[in-house]
Amino acid sequence: MSAAPAPALRPYLPSDAPVLAGLFQASIEELAAEDYDEAQCAAWASKADDEAAFGQGLQQNLTLIATVDGAPAGFISLKGKEDLDMLYVHPDFARQGVAGVLLSAIEKLAAARGAKKLDVEASDTAKPFFDKHGFVADHRNTVEIEGEWLGRTHMHKNLGETREEKR
């Protein structure tokens, strides 16, 4: 098995909204299906049904896109100085290092902007990824989307400290 090429990073452009909305929906529908039922995934994915509103949210945040061979493979969005708002990878690129590259870049940018930590509301699907990358679970909570309740975990990571690799 050959390694996938390293993703390139670039900033979000308004013309990316339709592609990223589709990536967001595919990621939820395919990657979260083991952790959430069909109705929960459909409600969650519906947040991108209005592509203009979805794109506006990405534009208001610091959003980076990872591309592989020029095609968007994933994206990350930082809201304000410390809130990791979104991190999604297309299912075709899952578990190939795309999310790690995006997270590392946003950590560096956040630290350069004076952030002391990053906070995230991690889905049950994403929690193991954040555990592996040095985030600490603070508490469980739920969010209601379109009448469906989804469990998640509030996590944080202090920036600028030495991180011990978790095994």
C-alpha atoms as a PDB file:
ATOM      1  CA  MET A   1       0.000   0.000   0.000  1.00  0.00           C
ATOM      2  CA  SER A   2       1.561   3.278  -1.030  1.00  0.00           C
ATOM      3  CA  ALA A   3       1.288   6.336   1.151  1.00  0.00           C
ATOM      4  CA  ALA A   4      -1.093   9.057   0.084  1.00  0.00           C
ATOM      5  CA  PRO A   5       0.549  12.305  -0.987  1.00  0.00           C
ATOM      6  CA  ALA A   6       0.867  14.909   1.752  1.00  0.00           C
ATOM      7  CA  PRO A   7      -1.989  17.388   1.575  1.00  0.00           C
ATOM      8  CA  ALA A   8      -1.386  20.996   0.600  1.00  0.00           C
ATOM      9  CA  LEU A   9      -3.075  23.726   2.650  1.00  0.00           C
ATOM     10  CA  ARG A  10      -4.781  26.861   1.458  1.00  0.00           C
ATOM     11  CA  PRO A  11      -7.270  29.390   2.837  1.00  0.00           C
ATOM     12  CA  TYR A  12     -11.006  29.088   2.301  1.00  0.00           C
ATOM     13  CA  LEU A  13     -12.498  30.949  -0.672  1.00  0.00           C
ATOM     14  CA  PRO A  14     -16.230  31.740  -1.043  1.00  0.00           C
ATOM     15  CA  SER A  15     -16.359  29.572  -4.177  1.00  0.00           C
ATOM     16  CA  ASP A  16     -15.455  26.553  -1.982  1.00  0.00           C
ATOM     17  CA  ALA A  17     -18.833  26.540  -0.190  1.00  0.00           C
ATOM     18  CA  PRO A  18     -20.632  23.976  -2.410  1.00  0.00           C
ATOM     19  CA  VAL A  19     -17.732  21.515  -2.418  1.00  0.00           C
ATOM     20  CA  LEU A  20     -17.156  21.815   1.336  1.00  0.00           C
ATOM     21  CA  ALA A  21     -20.880  21.460   2.054  1.00  0.00           C
ATOM     22  CA  GLY A  22     -20.801  18.182   0.136  1.00  0.00           C
ATOM     23  CA  LEU A  23     -17.616  17.075   1.880  1.00  0.00           C
ATOM     24  CA  PHE A  24     -19.201  17.890   5.279  1.00  0.00           C
ATOM     25  CA  GLN A  25     -22.298  15.842   4.457  1.00  0.00           C
ATOM     26  CA  ALA A  26     -20.350  12.874   3.053  1.00  0.00           C
ATOM     27  CA  SER A  27     -18.079  12.848   6.089  1.00  0.00           C
ATOM     28  CA  ILE A  28     -21.024  12.699   8.483  1.00  0.00           C
ATOM     29  CA  GLU A  29     -23.051  10.202   6.472  1.00  0.00           C
ATOM     30  CA  GLU A  30     -20.162   7.773   5.973  1.00  0.00           C
ATOM     31  CA  LEU A  31     -17.793   8.245   8.913  1.00  0.00           C
ATOM     32  CA  ALA A  32     -20.244   8.925  11.757  1.00  0.00           C
ATOM     33  CA  ALA A  33     -22.678   6.121  10.912  1.00  0.00           C
ATOM     34  CA  GLU A  34     -21.146   3.775  13.502  1.00  0.00           C
ATOM     35  CA  ASP A  35     -21.621   6.318  16.308  1.00  0.00           C
ATOM     36  CA  TYR A  36     -24.944   7.962  15.411  1.00  0.00           C
ATOM     37  CA  ASP A  37     -28.140   6.574  13.932  1.00  0.00           C
ATOM     38  CA  GLU A  38     -29.469   7.470  10.490  1.00  0.00           C
ATOM     39  CA  ALA A  39     -31.835  10.182  11.765  1.00  0.00           C
ATOM     40  CA  GLN A  40     -29.068  11.811  13.816  1.00  0.00           C
ATOM     41  CA  CYS A  41     -26.659  11.801  10.866  1.00  0.00           C
ATOM     42  CA  ALA A  42     -29.320  13.240   8.551  1.00  0.00           C
ATOM     43  CA  ALA A  43     -30.110  16.056  11.000  1.00  0.00           C
ATOM     44  CA  TRP A  44     -26.417  16.844  11.493  1.00  0.00           C
ATOM     45  CA  ALA A  45     -25.676  16.779   7.751  1.00  0.00           C
ATOM     46  CA  SER A  46     -28.643  19.088   7.095  1.00  0.00           C
ATOM     47  CA  LYS A  47     -26.607  21.959   8.571  1.00  0.00           C
ATOM     48  CA  ALA A  48     -25.026  22.249   5.100  1.00  0.00           C
ATOM     49  CA  ASP A  49     -28.289  22.129   3.109  1.00  0.00           C
ATOM     50  CA  ASP A  50     -28.185  25.926   2.832  1.00  0.00           C
ATOM     51  CA  GLU A  51     -24.822  26.207   1.069  1.00  0.00           C
ATOM     52  CA  ALA A  52     -24.781  30.014   1.246  1.00  0.00           C
ATOM     53  CA  ALA A  53     -25.279  30.055   5.028  1.00  0.00           C
ATOM     54  CA  PHE A  54     -22.785  27.207   5.457  1.00  0.00           C
ATOM     55  CA  GLY A  55     -20.224  29.110   3.389  1.00  0.00           C
ATOM     56  CA  GLN A  56     -20.875  32.333   5.277  1.00  0.00           C
ATOM     57  CA  GLY A  57     -20.051  30.543   8.543  1.00  0.00           C
ATOM     58  CA  LEU A  58     -16.786  29.263   7.105  1.00  0.00           C
ATOM     59  CA  GLN A  59     -15.915  32.702   5.757  1.00  0.00           C
ATOM     60  CA  GLN A  60     -16.451  34.349   9.158  1.00  0.00           C
ATOM     61  CA  ASN A  61     -13.958  31.944  10.749  1.00  0.00           C
ATOM     62  CA  LEU A  62     -10.335  31.130  10.022  1.00  0.00           C
ATOM     63  CA  THR A  63     -10.876  28.200   7.653  1.00  0.00           C
ATOM     64  CA  LEU A  64      -8.162  26.135   6.009  1.00  0.00           C
ATOM     65  CA  ILE A  65      -8.630  23.547   3.284  1.00  0.00           C
ATOM     66  CA  ALA A  66      -6.401  20.525   2.748  1.00  0.00           C
ATOM     67  CA  THR A  67      -6.112  19.466  -0.864  1.00  0.00           C
ATOM     68  CA  VAL A  68      -4.708  16.301  -2.387  1.00  0.00           C
ATOM     69  CA  ASP A  69      -3.875  16.569  -6.082  1.00  0.00           C
ATOM     70  CA  GLY A  70      -5.826  19.851  -6.114  1.00  0.00           C
ATOM     71  CA  ALA A  71      -9.064  18.361  -4.763  1.00  0.00           C
ATOM     72  CA  PRO A  72     -10.392  19.303  -1.305  1.00  0.00           C
ATOM     73  CA  ALA A  73      -9.725  16.407   1.089  1.00  0.00           C
ATOM     74  CA  GLY A  74     -10.736  18.128   4.335  1.00  0.00           C
ATOM     75  CA  PHE A  75     -11.155  21.415   6.121  1.00  0.00           C
ATOM     76  CA  ILE A  76     -10.820  22.960   9.560  1.00  0.00           C
ATOM     77  CA  SER A  77     -12.438  26.099  10.924  1.00  0.00           C
ATOM     78  CA  LEU A  78     -11.379  28.143  13.963  1.00  0.00           C
ATOM     79  CA  LYS A  79     -14.041  30.401  15.475  1.00  0.00           C
ATOM     80  CA  GLY A  80     -12.659  33.323  17.415  1.00  0.00           C
ATOM     81  CA  LYS A  81      -9.283  32.726  18.996  1.00  0.00           C
ATOM     82  CA  GLU A  82      -9.731  29.349  20.700  1.00  0.00           C
ATOM     83  CA  ASP A  83     -12.825  27.500  19.449  1.00  0.00           C
ATOM     84  CA  LEU A  84     -12.258  24.723  16.938  1.00  0.00           C
ATOM     85  CA  ASP A  85     -15.596  24.902  15.157  1.00  0.00           C
ATOM     86  CA  MET A  86     -15.238  22.258  12.431  1.00  0.00           C
ATOM     87  CA  LEU A  87     -12.816  19.566  11.327  1.00  0.00           C
ATOM     88  CA  TYR A  88     -14.065  17.288   8.550  1.00  0.00           C
ATOM     89  CA  VAL A  89     -12.302  14.962   6.139  1.00  0.00           C
ATOM     90  CA  HIS A  90     -13.789  13.424   3.015  1.00  0.00           C
ATOM     91  CA  PRO A  91     -14.312   9.678   3.554  1.00  0.00           C
ATOM     92  CA  ASP A  92     -11.926   8.892   0.666  1.00  0.00           C
ATOM     93  CA  PHE A  93      -9.126  10.518   2.680  1.00  0.00           C
ATOM     94  CA  ALA A  94     -10.047   9.359   6.199  1.00  0.00           C
ATOM     95  CA  ARG A  95      -7.236   7.987   8.347  1.00  0.00           C
ATOM     96  CA  GLN A  96      -4.544   9.191   5.947  1.00  0.00           C
ATOM     97  CA  GLY A  97      -3.183  12.098   8.007  1.00  0.00           C
ATOM     98  CA  VAL A  98      -5.294  14.887   6.496  1.00  0.00           C
ATOM     99  CA  ALA A  99      -6.975  15.809   9.794  1.00  0.00           C
ATOM    100  CA  GLY A 100      -3.631  15.774  11.600  1.00  0.00           C
ATOM    101  CA  VAL A 101      -2.089  18.169   9.078  1.00  0.00           C
ATOM    102  CA  LEU A 102      -5.085  20.510   9.395  1.00  0.00           C
ATOM    103  CA  LEU A 103      -5.046  20.409  13.201  1.00  0.00           C
ATOM    104  CA  SER A 104      -1.302  21.044  13.391  1.00  0.00           C
ATOM    105  CA  ALA A 105      -1.614  24.075  11.112  1.00  0.00           C
ATOM    106  CA  ILE A 106      -4.545  25.579  13.026  1.00  0.00           C
ATOM    107  CA  GLU A 107      -2.753  25.024  16.360  1.00  0.00           C
ATOM    108  CA  LYS A 108       0.240  26.993  15.065  1.00  0.00           C
ATOM    109  CA  LEU A 109      -1.949  29.789  13.702  1.00  0.00           C
ATOM    110  CA  ALA A 110      -4.006  29.988  16.901  1.00  0.00           C
ATOM    111  CA  ALA A 111      -0.859  30.126  19.051  1.00  0.00           C
ATOM    112  CA  ALA A 112       0.600  32.849  16.803  1.00  0.00           C
ATOM    113  CA  ARG A 113      -2.614  34.827  17.363  1.00  0.00           C
ATOM    114  CA  GLY A 114      -2.159  34.553  21.134  1.00  0.00           C
ATOM    115  CA  ALA A 115      -4.427  31.610  21.951  1.00  0.00           C
ATOM    116  CA  LYS A 116      -3.389  29.701  25.068  1.00  0.00           C
ATOM    117  CA  LYS A 117      -5.651  26.718  24.362  1.00  0.00           C
ATOM    118  CA  LEU A 118      -8.078  25.222  21.885  1.00  0.00           C
ATOM    119  CA  ASP A 119     -11.587  24.059  22.771  1.00  0.00           C
ATOM    120  CA  VAL A 120     -13.681  21.629  20.742  1.00  0.00           C
ATOM    121  CA  GLU A 121     -17.070  19.954  20.994  1.00  0.00           C
ATOM    122  CA  ALA A 122     -15.952  16.553  19.712  1.00  0.00           C
ATOM    123  CA  SER A 123     -18.430  14.131  18.219  1.00  0.00           C
ATOM    124  CA  ASP A 124     -18.213  10.539  19.402  1.00  0.00           C
ATOM    125  CA  THR A 125     -16.631   9.801  16.010  1.00  0.00           C
ATOM    126  CA  ALA A 126     -13.940  12.488  16.404  1.00  0.00           C
ATOM    127  CA  LYS A 127     -13.145  12.010  20.106  1.00  0.00           C
ATOM    128  CA  PRO A 128     -10.478   9.298  19.583  1.00  0.00           C
ATOM    129  CA  PHE A 129      -8.700  11.571  17.072  1.00  0.00           C
ATOM    130  CA  PHE A 130      -8.615  14.449  19.549  1.00  0.00           C
ATOM    131  CA  ASP A 131      -7.512  12.112  22.368  1.00  0.00           C
ATOM    132  CA  LYS A 132      -4.595  10.996  20.183  1.00  0.00           C
ATOM    133  CA  HIS A 133      -3.637  14.626  19.489  1.00  0.00           C
ATOM    134  CA  GLY A 134      -3.371  15.708  23.126  1.00  0.00           C
ATOM    135  CA  PHE A 135      -6.857  17.026  23.852  1.00  0.00           C
ATOM    136  CA  VAL A 136      -8.341  16.341  27.292  1.00  0.00           C
ATOM    137  CA  ALA A 137     -12.022  15.555  27.840  1.00  0.00           C
ATOM    138  CA  ASP A 138     -13.774  18.030  30.147  1.00  0.00           C
ATOM    139  CA  HIS A 139     -17.403  16.865  30.112  1.00  0.00           C
ATOM    140  CA  ARG A 140     -20.108  15.162  28.048  1.00  0.00           C
ATOM    141  CA  ASN A 141     -23.055  17.097  26.679  1.00  0.00           C
ATOM    142  CA  THR A 142     -25.669  16.923  23.973  1.00  0.00           C
ATOM    143  CA  VAL A 143     -26.772  19.207  21.183  1.00  0.00           C
ATOM    144  CA  GLU A 144     -30.190  19.307  19.529  1.00  0.00           C
ATOM    145  CA  ILE A 145     -30.244  19.551  15.723  1.00  0.00           C
ATOM    146  CA  GLU A 146     -33.516  19.359  13.810  1.00  0.00           C
ATOM    147  CA  GLY A 147     -35.205  17.526  16.675  1.00  0.00           C
ATOM    148  CA  GLU A 148     -32.416  14.958  17.094  1.00  0.00           C
ATOM    149  CA  TRP A 149     -30.108  14.827  20.121  1.00  0.00           C
ATOM    150  CA  LEU A 150     -26.421  14.075  19.502  1.00  0.00           C
ATOM    151  CA  GLY A 151     -23.905  13.259  22.205  1.00  0.00           C
ATOM    152  CA  ARG A 152     -20.514  14.913  22.198  1.00  0.00           C
ATOM    153  CA  THR A 153     -17.587  15.688  24.494  1.00  0.00           C
ATOM    154  CA  HIS A 154     -16.196  19.126  25.324  1.00  0.00           C
ATOM    155  CA  MET A 155     -12.413  18.872  25.099  1.00  0.00           C
ATOM    156  CA  HIS A 156      -9.478  21.252  25.341  1.00  0.00           C
ATOM    157  CA  LYS A 157      -5.781  21.335  24.588  1.00  0.00           C
ATOM    158  CA  ASN A 158      -3.317  23.762  26.092  1.00  0.00           C
ATOM    159  CA  LEU A 159      -1.044  25.241  23.435  1.00  0.00           C
ATOM    160  CA  GLY A 160       2.673  25.797  23.830  1.00  0.00           C
ATOM    161  CA  GLU A 161       3.198  22.964  26.307  1.00  0.00           C
ATOM    162  CA  THR A 162       5.095  19.774  25.660  1.00  0.00           C
ATOM    163  CA  ARG A 163       2.678  17.054  24.652  1.00  0.00           C
ATOM    164  CA  GLU A 164       3.219  13.478  25.682  1.00  0.00           C
ATOM    165  CA  GLU A 165       2.267  11.031  22.962  1.00  0.00           C
ATOM    166  CA  LYS A 166      -0.583   8.804  24.048  1.00  0.00           C
ATOM    167  CA  ARG A 167      -0.170   5.148  23.209  1.00  0.00           C
END
